[in-house]
C-alpha atoms as a PDB file:
ATOM      1  CA  MET A   1      11.712  -8.580  26.230  1.00  0.00           C
ATOM      2  CA  VAL A   2       9.224 -11.354  25.540  1.00  0.00           C
ATOM      3  CA  ARG A   3       5.883 -10.153  24.319  1.00  0.00           C
ATOM      4  CA  TRP A   4       2.660 -12.098  24.515  1.00  0.00           C
ATOM      5  CA  LEU A   5      -0.758 -11.852  22.829  1.00  0.00           C
ATOM      6  CA  PRO A   6      -3.316 -13.702  25.138  1.00  0.00           C
ATOM      7  CA  ILE A   7      -5.788 -16.014  23.493  1.00  0.00           C
ATOM      8  CA  SER A   8      -8.497 -14.029  25.349  1.00  0.00           C
ATOM      9  CA  LEU A   9      -7.593 -10.955  23.302  1.00  0.00           C
ATOM     10  CA  LEU A  10      -7.702 -12.843  20.068  1.00  0.00           C
ATOM     11  CA  LEU A  11     -11.155 -14.163  21.097  1.00  0.00           C
ATOM     12  CA  MET A  12     -12.254 -10.620  21.595  1.00  0.00           C
ATOM     13  CA  LEU A  13     -10.901  -9.671  18.217  1.00  0.00           C
ATOM     14  CA  ALA A  14     -12.161 -12.711  16.379  1.00  0.00           C
ATOM     15  CA  PRO A  15     -15.264 -11.001  14.946  1.00  0.00           C
ATOM     16  CA  ILE A  16     -13.077  -8.143  13.632  1.00  0.00           C
ATOM     17  CA  LEU A  17     -10.300 -10.338  12.326  1.00  0.00           C
ATOM     18  CA  ASN A  18     -12.798 -12.660  10.726  1.00  0.00           C
ATOM     19  CA  LEU A  19     -11.159 -15.585  12.470  1.00  0.00           C
ATOM     20  CA  SER A  20     -13.349 -18.581  11.554  1.00  0.00           C
ATOM     21  CA  ARG A  21     -13.041 -20.705  14.679  1.00  0.00           C
ATOM     22  CA  ILE A  22     -11.496 -20.964  18.034  1.00  0.00           C
ATOM     23  CA  ASP A  23     -12.235 -24.370  19.572  1.00  0.00           C
ATOM     24  CA  ALA A  24     -13.499 -25.014  23.129  1.00  0.00           C
ATOM     25  CA  SER A  25      -9.972 -25.250  24.485  1.00  0.00           C
ATOM     26  CA  GLU A  26      -9.044 -21.910  23.015  1.00  0.00           C
ATOM     27  CA  THR A  27      -5.736 -23.496  21.735  1.00  0.00           C
ATOM     28  CA  ASP A  28      -6.783 -24.264  18.131  1.00  0.00           C
ATOM     29  CA  LEU A  29      -6.991 -21.056  16.172  1.00  0.00           C
ATOM     30  CA  VAL A  30      -8.121 -21.671  12.629  1.00  0.00           C
ATOM     31  CA  HIS A  31      -7.618 -18.790  10.113  1.00  0.00           C
ATOM     32  CA  LEU A  32      -9.893 -17.326   7.460  1.00  0.00           C
ATOM     33  CA  VAL A  33      -7.759 -15.797   4.783  1.00  0.00           C
ATOM     34  CA  GLY A  34      -7.881 -14.931   1.095  1.00  0.00           C
ATOM     35  CA  GLY A  35      -5.545 -16.080  -1.515  1.00  0.00           C
ATOM     36  CA  SER A  36      -2.892 -13.571  -0.395  1.00  0.00           C
ATOM     37  CA  GLY A  37      -2.707 -15.132   3.116  1.00  0.00           C
ATOM     38  CA  ALA A  38      -3.651 -11.950   4.772  1.00  0.00           C
ATOM     39  CA  ILE A  39      -6.496 -11.787   7.354  1.00  0.00           C
ATOM     40  CA  ASP A  40      -9.561 -10.194   5.840  1.00  0.00           C
ATOM     41  CA  GLU A  41     -10.040  -6.528   6.821  1.00  0.00           C
ATOM     42  CA  PHE A  42      -6.318  -6.215   7.830  1.00  0.00           C
ATOM     43  CA  ASP A  43      -3.584  -5.638   5.123  1.00  0.00           C
ATOM     44  CA  THR A  44      -0.674  -5.974   7.419  1.00  0.00           C
ATOM     45  CA  ILE A  45      -1.647  -9.084   9.482  1.00  0.00           C
ATOM     46  CA  VAL A  46      -1.000 -12.654   8.225  1.00  0.00           C
ATOM     47  CA  LEU A  47      -2.024 -15.800  10.204  1.00  0.00           C
ATOM     48  CA  LEU A  48      -0.249 -19.005   9.228  1.00  0.00           C
ATOM     49  CA  PRO A  49      -1.756 -22.359  10.241  1.00  0.00           C
ATOM     50  CA  ALA A  50       0.415 -24.856  12.127  1.00  0.00           C
ATOM     51  CA  ARG A  51       2.327 -27.433   9.994  1.00  0.00           C
ATOM     52  CA  GLU A  52       4.755 -30.180  10.974  1.00  0.00           C
ATOM     53  CA  ASP A  53       6.895 -28.766  13.795  1.00  0.00           C
ATOM     54  CA  ILE A  54       5.970 -25.194  13.303  1.00  0.00           C
ATOM     55  CA  PRO A  55       3.052 -23.798  15.417  1.00  0.00           C
ATOM     56  CA  THR A  56       0.509 -21.454  14.252  1.00  0.00           C
ATOM     57  CA  ARG A  57       2.134 -18.037  13.533  1.00  0.00           C
ATOM     58  CA  LEU A  58       0.903 -14.470  13.541  1.00  0.00           C
ATOM     59  CA  ILE A  59       2.871 -11.981  11.494  1.00  0.00           C
ATOM     60  CA  ILE A  60       2.137  -8.352  11.984  1.00  0.00           C
ATOM     61  CA  GLY A  61       3.674  -5.258  10.163  1.00  0.00           C
ATOM     62  CA  ASP A  62       3.465  -2.049  12.106  1.00  0.00           C
ATOM     63  CA  LEU A  63       3.350   1.642  11.464  1.00  0.00           C
ATOM     64  CA  ARG A  64       6.856   2.133  12.593  1.00  0.00           C
ATOM     65  CA  GLY A  65       8.293  -0.087   9.937  1.00  0.00           C
ATOM     66  CA  PHE A  66       8.905  -3.389  11.775  1.00  0.00           C
ATOM     67  CA  LEU A  67       7.640  -6.930  11.280  1.00  0.00           C
ATOM     68  CA  HIS A  68       6.780  -8.948  14.438  1.00  0.00           C
ATOM     69  CA  VAL A  69       6.292 -12.765  14.400  1.00  0.00           C
ATOM     70  CA  PHE A  70       4.266 -14.443  17.144  1.00  0.00           C
ATOM     71  CA  GLU A  71       4.030 -18.219  17.765  1.00  0.00           C
ATOM     72  CA  GLN A  72       1.068 -19.903  19.505  1.00  0.00           C
ATOM     73  CA  ARG A  73       1.639 -21.268  22.824  1.00  0.00           C
ATOM     74  CA  PRO A  74      -1.010 -23.020  25.173  1.00  0.00           C
ATOM     75  CA  ASP A  75      -2.547 -19.797  26.258  1.00  0.00           C
ATOM     76  CA  ALA A  76      -1.030 -16.999  24.362  1.00  0.00           C
ATOM     77  CA  PHE A  77       1.012 -15.916  21.323  1.00  0.00           C
ATOM     78  CA  GLU A  78       4.687 -15.306  22.073  1.00  0.00           C
ATOM     79  CA  GLU A  79       6.789 -12.910  19.998  1.00  0.00           C
ATOM     80  CA  VAL A  80       9.659 -14.883  18.623  1.00  0.00           C
ATOM     81  CA  TRP A  81      11.094 -12.547  16.089  1.00  0.00           C
ATOM     82  CA  THR A  82      11.286  -8.782  15.236  1.00  0.00           C
ATOM     83  CA  SER A  83      12.614  -7.445  12.073  1.00  0.00           C
ATOM     84  CA  GLU A  84      15.024  -4.792  11.513  1.00  0.00           C
ATOM     85  CA  TYR A  85      13.681  -1.387  10.424  1.00  0.00           C
ATOM     86  CA  PHE A  86      12.084  -1.473   6.988  1.00  0.00           C
ATOM     87  CA  GLU A  87      12.653   2.289   6.498  1.00  0.00           C
ATOM     88  CA  SER A  88       8.962   3.196   6.618  1.00  0.00           C
ATOM     89  CA  ALA A  89       5.510   1.945   7.666  1.00  0.00           C
ATOM     90  CA  ILE A  90       4.550  -1.568   6.493  1.00  0.00           C
ATOM     91  CA  GLY A  91       1.800  -1.118   3.898  1.00  0.00           C
ATOM     92  CA  GLY A  92       0.845  -4.787   3.288  1.00  0.00           C
ATOM     93  CA  LEU A  93       1.783  -8.394   3.682  1.00  0.00           C
ATOM     94  CA  PHE A  94       1.061 -11.331   1.417  1.00  0.00           C
ATOM     95  CA  VAL A  95       2.046 -15.050   1.368  1.00  0.00           C
ATOM     96  CA  ALA A  96       2.430 -16.683  -2.007  1.00  0.00           C
ATOM     97  CA  ASP A  97       4.757 -18.718  -4.159  1.00  0.00           C
ATOM     98  CA  ILE A  98       6.032 -15.936  -6.245  1.00  0.00           C
ATOM     99  CA  ASN A  99       8.991 -17.589  -8.013  1.00  0.00           C
ATOM    100  CA  GLU A 100       7.650 -21.091  -8.928  1.00  0.00           C
ATOM    101  CA  ASP A 101       9.846 -22.923  -6.379  1.00  0.00           C
ATOM    102  CA  ASP A 102       6.886 -24.628  -4.628  1.00  0.00           C
ATOM    103  CA  LEU A 103       7.698 -22.569  -1.518  1.00  0.00           C
ATOM    104  CA  GLU A 104       5.654 -19.775  -0.222  1.00  0.00           C
ATOM    105  CA  GLU A 105       7.318 -16.398   0.545  1.00  0.00           C
ATOM    106  CA  LEU A 106       6.328 -13.505   2.596  1.00  0.00           C
ATOM    107  CA  ILE A 107       5.840 -10.435   0.347  1.00  0.00           C
ATOM    108  CA  VAL A 108       6.115  -7.079   2.073  1.00  0.00           C
ATOM    109  CA  PHE A 109       5.548  -3.643   0.657  1.00  0.00           C
ATOM    110  CA  THR A 110       6.217  -0.443   2.572  1.00  0.00           C
ATOM    111  CA  GLN A 111       4.751   3.011   2.343  1.00  0.00           C
ATOM    112  CA  LYS A 112       7.833   4.493   0.873  1.00  0.00           C
ATOM    113  CA  GLY A 113       8.005   2.165  -2.196  1.00  0.00           C
ATOM    114  CA  ARG A 114       9.957  -0.781  -1.097  1.00  0.00           C
ATOM    115  CA  LEU A 115       9.259  -4.334  -2.029  1.00  0.00           C
ATOM    116  CA  HIS A 116      10.753  -7.354  -0.134  1.00  0.00           C
ATOM    117  CA  TYR A 117      10.593 -11.069  -0.395  1.00  0.00           C
ATOM    118  CA  LEU A 118      11.234 -12.894   2.848  1.00  0.00           C
ATOM    119  CA  ASN A 119      11.877 -16.536   3.580  1.00  0.00           C
ATOM    120  CA  LEU A 120       8.949 -17.907   5.778  1.00  0.00           C
ATOM    121  CA  GLU A 121      11.176 -20.160   7.727  1.00  0.00           C
ATOM    122  CA  THR A 122      14.160 -17.982   8.598  1.00  0.00           C
ATOM    123  CA  TYR A 123      12.603 -14.548   7.875  1.00  0.00           C
ATOM    124  CA  SER A 124      15.769 -13.497   5.938  1.00  0.00           C
ATOM    125  CA  THR A 125      15.383 -11.193   3.039  1.00  0.00           C
ATOM    126  CA  GLN A 126      15.652 -12.959  -0.343  1.00  0.00           C
ATOM    127  CA  TRP A 127      15.177  -9.945  -2.607  1.00  0.00           C
ATOM    128  CA  SER A 128      14.420  -6.150  -2.473  1.00  0.00           C
ATOM    129  CA  ASN A 129      13.749  -3.691  -5.054  1.00  0.00           C
ATOM    130  CA  PRO A 130      16.044  -0.753  -5.503  1.00  0.00           C
ATOM    131  CA  PRO A 131      15.718   1.980  -2.868  1.00  0.00           C
ATOM    132  CA  ASN A 132      14.647   4.709  -5.362  1.00  0.00           C
ATOM    133  CA  GLU A 133      12.456   2.801  -7.700  1.00  0.00           C
ATOM    134  CA  TYR A 134       9.224   4.156  -6.189  1.00  0.00           C
ATOM    135  CA  GLU A 135       8.585   6.937  -3.747  1.00  0.00           C
ATOM    136  CA  GLN A 136       5.260   5.766  -2.466  1.00  0.00           C
ATOM    137  CA  ILE A 137       3.047   2.617  -2.680  1.00  0.00           C
ATOM    138  CA  THR A 138      -0.577   3.169  -1.719  1.00  0.00           C
ATOM    139  CA  SER A 139      -2.153  -0.261  -2.426  1.00  0.00           C
ATOM    140  CA  MET A 140      -1.321  -3.679  -3.758  1.00  0.00           C
ATOM    141  CA  ILE A 141      -2.842  -7.063  -4.625  1.00  0.00           C
ATOM    142  CA  ILE A 142      -1.331 -10.267  -6.075  1.00  0.00           C
ATOM    143  CA  GLU A 143      -3.140 -11.815  -8.931  1.00  0.00           C
ATOM    144  CA  ASN A 144      -2.283 -13.854 -12.014  1.00  0.00           C
ATOM    145  CA  VAL A 145      -3.408 -11.653 -14.958  1.00  0.00           C
ATOM    146  CA  ASP A 146      -1.372 -13.074 -17.859  1.00  0.00           C
ATOM    147  CA  GLU A 147      -0.505 -16.453 -19.446  1.00  0.00           C
ATOM    148  CA  ASP A 148       2.350 -17.495 -17.129  1.00  0.00           C
ATOM    149  CA  GLU A 149       2.078 -19.564 -14.079  1.00  0.00           C
ATOM    150  CA  GLN A 150       3.217 -17.116 -11.350  1.00  0.00           C
ATOM    151  CA  PRO A 151       1.054 -14.295 -10.126  1.00  0.00           C
ATOM    152  CA  GLU A 152       1.909 -10.558 -10.664  1.00  0.00           C
ATOM    153  CA  LEU A 153       2.137  -7.726  -8.133  1.00  0.00           C
ATOM    154  CA  ILE A 154      -0.539  -5.137  -9.100  1.00  0.00           C
ATOM    155  CA  PHE A 155      -0.056  -1.911  -7.170  1.00  0.00           C
ATOM    156  CA  CYS A 156      -0.427   1.812  -7.290  1.00  0.00           C
ATOM    157  CA  ALA A 157       2.914   3.609  -6.955  1.00  0.00           C
ATOM    158  CA  ASP A 158       3.575   7.367  -7.423  1.00  0.00           C
ATOM    159  CA  GLY A 159       0.149   7.784  -8.970  1.00  0.00           C
ATOM    160  CA  ARG A 160       0.518   5.040 -11.653  1.00  0.00           C
ATOM    161  CA  LEU A 161      -0.931   1.530 -11.879  1.00  0.00           C
ATOM    162  CA  ILE A 162       1.854  -0.952 -12.051  1.00  0.00           C
ATOM    163  CA  ILE A 163       1.993  -4.666 -13.037  1.00  0.00           C
ATOM    164  CA  TYR A 164       5.202  -6.234 -11.727  1.00  0.00           C
ATOM    165  CA  ASP A 165       6.673  -9.611 -12.671  1.00  0.00           C
ATOM    166  CA  THR A 166       7.113 -11.426  -9.377  1.00  0.00           C
ATOM    167  CA  HIS A 167       9.611 -14.008 -10.754  1.00  0.00           C
ATOM    168  CA  HIS A 168      12.013 -11.792 -12.638  1.00  0.00           C
ATOM    169  CA  GLN A 169      11.415  -8.680 -10.581  1.00  0.00           C
ATOM    170  CA  PHE A 170      10.699  -6.060 -13.239  1.00  0.00           C
ATOM    171  CA  GLU A 171       7.901  -3.717 -14.205  1.00  0.00           C
ATOM    172  CA  GLU A 172       5.907  -5.405 -16.996  1.00  0.00           C
ATOM    173  CA  TRP A 173       3.628  -2.499 -17.540  1.00  0.00           C
ATOM    174  CA  GLY A 174       2.751   0.964 -16.037  1.00  0.00           C
ATOM    175  CA  SER A 175      -0.139   3.353 -16.801  1.00  0.00           C
ATOM    176  CA  ASP A 176       0.256   6.556 -18.555  1.00  0.00           C
ATOM    177  CA  GLN A 177      -2.021   8.140 -15.941  1.00  0.00           C
ATOM    178  CA  THR A 178      -0.259   9.565 -12.921  1.00  0.00           C
ATOM    179  CA  ASN A 179      -3.146  10.444 -10.663  1.00  0.00           C
ATOM    180  CA  MET A 180      -4.306   7.122  -9.469  1.00  0.00           C
ATOM    181  CA  ASP A 181      -3.317   6.911  -5.821  1.00  0.00           C
ATOM    182  CA  ALA A 182      -5.760   4.115  -5.125  1.00  0.00           C
ATOM    183  CA  THR A 183      -5.928   2.701  -1.656  1.00  0.00           C
ATOM    184  CA  ASP A 184      -7.884  -0.380  -2.686  1.00  0.00           C
ATOM    185  CA  LEU A 185      -7.680  -2.686  -5.770  1.00  0.00           C
ATOM    186  CA  LEU A 186      -9.437  -5.723  -6.949  1.00  0.00           C
ATOM    187  CA  VAL A 187      -9.507  -8.039  -9.974  1.00  0.00           C
ATOM    188  CA  GLY A 188     -12.565  -9.725 -11.367  1.00  0.00           C
ATOM    189  CA  ASP A 189     -14.983  -9.816 -14.343  1.00  0.00           C
ATOM    190  CA  VAL A 190     -17.073  -6.766 -13.417  1.00  0.00           C
ATOM    191  CA  ASP A 191     -18.759  -6.249 -16.773  1.00  0.00           C
ATOM    192  CA  GLY A 192     -19.726  -9.750 -17.849  1.00  0.00           C
ATOM    193  CA  ASP A 193     -17.472  -9.862 -20.872  1.00  0.00           C
ATOM    194  CA  GLY A 194     -15.706 -13.002 -19.731  1.00  0.00           C
ATOM    195  CA  ALA A 195     -12.433 -11.256 -19.100  1.00  0.00           C
ATOM    196  CA  ASP A 196     -11.076  -9.798 -15.831  1.00  0.00           C
ATOM    197  CA  GLU A 197     -10.741  -6.209 -15.054  1.00  0.00           C
ATOM    198  CA  ILE A 198      -8.479  -4.352 -12.628  1.00  0.00           C
ATOM    199  CA  VAL A 199     -10.648  -1.935 -10.612  1.00  0.00           C
ATOM    200  CA  LEU A 200      -9.236   0.973  -8.517  1.00  0.00           C
ATOM    201  CA  ASN A 201     -11.273   2.492  -5.805  1.00  0.00           C
ATOM    202  CA  THR A 202     -10.449   5.958  -7.320  1.00  0.00           C
ATOM    203  CA  GLY A 203     -12.888   5.053 -10.104  1.00  0.00           C
ATOM    204  CA  TYR A 204     -10.710   3.561 -12.882  1.00  0.00           C
ATOM    205  CA  VAL A 205     -11.402   0.148 -14.517  1.00  0.00           C
ATOM    206  CA  PHE A 206      -8.698  -1.338 -16.723  1.00  0.00           C
ATOM    207  CA  ASP A 207      -8.677  -4.470 -18.762  1.00  0.00           C
ATOM    208  CA  ALA A 208      -6.544  -6.904 -16.734  1.00  0.00           C
ATOM    209  CA  ARG A 209      -4.970  -8.642 -19.802  1.00  0.00           C
ATOM    210  CA  PHE A 210      -4.388  -5.781 -22.356  1.00  0.00           C
ATOM    211  CA  HIS A 211      -4.417  -2.830 -19.847  1.00  0.00           C
ATOM    212  CA  ASP A 212      -6.778  -0.756 -21.778  1.00  0.00           C
ATOM    213  CA  LEU A 213      -8.672   1.819 -19.697  1.00  0.00           C
ATOM    214  CA  GLU A 214     -12.300   0.643 -20.050  1.00  0.00           C
ATOM    215  CA  TRP A 215     -13.999   3.171 -17.835  1.00  0.00           C
ATOM    216  CA  GLN A 216     -13.254   6.178 -15.689  1.00  0.00           C
ATOM    217  CA  SER A 217     -16.094   6.708 -13.234  1.00  0.00           C
ATOM    218  CA  PRO A 218     -17.044  10.308 -12.515  1.00  0.00           C
ATOM    219  CA  GLU A 219     -16.982   9.308  -8.809  1.00  0.00           C
ATOM    220  CA  PRO A 220     -14.727   7.036  -6.663  1.00  0.00           C
ATOM    221  CA  PHE A 221     -15.885   3.572  -5.678  1.00  0.00           C
ATOM    222  CA  GLY A 222     -15.339   4.019  -1.935  1.00  0.00           C
ATOM    223  CA  GLN A 223     -12.639   3.299   0.528  1.00  0.00           C
ATOM    224  CA  ARG A 224     -13.106  -0.468   0.238  1.00  0.00           C
ATOM    225  CA  MET A 225     -14.617  -2.612  -2.501  1.00  0.00           C
ATOM    226  CA  GLY A 226     -16.256  -6.028  -3.025  1.00  0.00           C
ATOM    227  CA  LEU A 227     -18.060  -7.993  -5.686  1.00  0.00           C
ATOM    228  CA  LEU A 228     -21.383  -9.663  -5.490  1.00  0.00           C
ATOM    229  CA  ASP A 229     -24.074 -10.705  -8.016  1.00  0.00           C
ATOM    230  CA  LEU A 230     -27.005  -8.966  -6.260  1.00  0.00           C
ATOM    231  CA  ASP A 231     -29.669  -9.531  -8.977  1.00  0.00           C
ATOM    232  CA  ASN A 232     -28.656 -13.029 -10.169  1.00  0.00           C
ATOM    233  CA  ASP A 233     -28.090 -11.782 -13.667  1.00  0.00           C
ATOM    234  CA  GLY A 234     -24.690 -13.419 -14.060  1.00  0.00           C
ATOM    235  CA  ILE A 235     -22.793 -10.252 -13.684  1.00  0.00           C
ATOM    236  CA  VAL A 236     -21.356  -9.095 -10.487  1.00  0.00           C
ATOM    237  CA  GLU A 237     -22.038  -5.565  -8.971  1.00  0.00           C
ATOM    238  CA  LEU A 238     -19.292  -3.555  -7.431  1.00  0.00           C
ATOM    239  CA  ILE A 239     -20.035  -2.704  -3.897  1.00  0.00           C
ATOM    240  CA  GLY A 240     -18.196   0.208  -2.388  1.00  0.00           C
ATOM    241  CA  GLU A 241     -17.982   1.187   1.175  1.00  0.00           C
ATOM    242  CA  PHE A 242     -17.764   4.865   2.148  1.00  0.00           C
ATOM    243  CA  ASN A 243     -16.540   6.241   5.613  1.00  0.00           C
ATOM    244  CA  GLY A 244     -16.546   2.779   7.066  1.00  0.00           C
ATOM    245  CA  ARG A 245     -20.343   2.345   6.834  1.00  0.00           C
ATOM    246  CA  PHE A 246     -22.216   3.728   3.854  1.00  0.00           C
ATOM    247  CA  ILE A 247     -22.689   1.534   0.760  1.00  0.00           C
ATOM    248  CA  LYS A 248     -22.994   2.359  -2.879  1.00  0.00           C
ATOM    249  CA  ILE A 249     -23.588  -0.272  -5.582  1.00  0.00           C
ATOM    250  CA  PHE A 250     -22.218   0.245  -9.131  1.00  0.00           C
ATOM    251  CA  ASP A 251     -23.177  -1.593 -12.458  1.00  0.00           C
ATOM    252  CA  VAL A 252     -19.855  -1.443 -14.177  1.00  0.00           C
ATOM    253  CA  ASP A 253     -21.189  -3.093 -17.283  1.00  0.00           C
ATOM    254  CA  LEU A 254     -23.733  -0.174 -17.565  1.00  0.00           C
ATOM    255  CA  ARG A 255     -21.183   2.474 -16.469  1.00  0.00           C
ATOM    256  CA  ARG A 256     -23.350   3.863 -13.623  1.00  0.00           C
ATOM    257  CA  GLU A 257     -24.435   3.588  -9.983  1.00  0.00           C
ATOM    258  CA  LYS A 258     -27.015   0.828  -9.679  1.00  0.00           C
ATOM    259  CA  SER A 259     -30.563   2.058  -9.737  1.00  0.00           C
ATOM    260  CA  THR A 260     -32.597   1.623  -6.539  1.00  0.00           C
ATOM    261  CA  ASP A 261     -35.901   1.834  -8.227  1.00  0.00           C
ATOM    262  CA  PRO A 262     -38.118  -1.226  -7.951  1.00  0.00           C
END
């Protein structure tokens, strides 16, 4: 059965999806994405711009464990491909060149610990990790945190923080701590020392290069996190969102919640 997503629906969702522009004809959908290719706010949606003879595509991973690919038509997005069952809910989607072949791949992780690389042209699976390597993955980002050229998968699996070599597909490093089921991660220089840290929303801050635990906050950093230099001192503050609306601000360099005193 052919499935369609009308442009009018995407227009309604545009503020939520952070779509940057839809032109007057409603046929040119321009995406606003991060380095991972995922639409901001949605871990399991990727919007790919048109190129050569391939129209704009929308890739969605669902709770039931399937991927759906929609291609843009004049007045709607038509579903052109549905995956086989990925064994559990899709936890996140990324687009990146993870093996230095100058071609981007679709990286998929599932709730029950599977990693998959898919060809973005044919959607065929190029590689998958062993079925029993991890029982659960709760969060993932893709960042380059070492000296090689390709990025690393950084994720929380079975309570541990993992750094995974994307090219040779092996675990480069895993934390000793086993209680870090973070649902949000970020990488950035959060203490102004000139080196990046890996921040877990459960309150842990690790050195990104050498993996030392720099700080364990007595409280979590929220469900979602962001970075912004609010006081223009050259050091970003960590902004945490709680319960979808409430904000706390943390000075990681001072190891405390930011004071609200004038």
